Amino acid sequence: MSETDEIDDLEKSSESEEEVKPKKPKRERTEKQKEHFARLSEQNKKRFEEKRLKKEEDEKQRKDELEKKVIEKAIKLKKKQIKKERILEELSESDTEIEKPKRPSSTVRPKVEPKIFQSPQPPPYVRKYNYM
């Protein structure tokens, strides 16, 4: 319990020290500085507005392109579906039996035993000259 009391006392003492220090007054801006600041803030607002408008325009353009792609994809899928339906209608109208193509009969190949390869032996060392 005594530790918490000590911590509280330290906090109170630090707060009282802060209150004792007088704050330094801010330096006032000159008229020229105020005008310059106002002009720059106005320019920043214009620049920010231009960026925002450009961003909105880009976003709108991207959405339009995406919508266009989706529509083109839907058209392609619809065309494929129509073609499939036409083919199915033609097949049902012809009333001919569809035969699956026969696969050529495959002959059974005899099993080939795997060959075991031995690593080649290095050639014996041959002396070219007999110097010693």
Foldseek 3Di string as FASTA:
>chain_A
DVVVVVVVVVVVVVVVVVVPDDDDDDDDDDPVVVVVVVVVVVVVVVVVVVVVVVVVVVVVVVVVVVVVVVVVVVVVVVVVVVVVVVVVVVVVVVPDDDDDDDDPDDDDDDDDDDDDDDDDDDDDDDDPDDDD
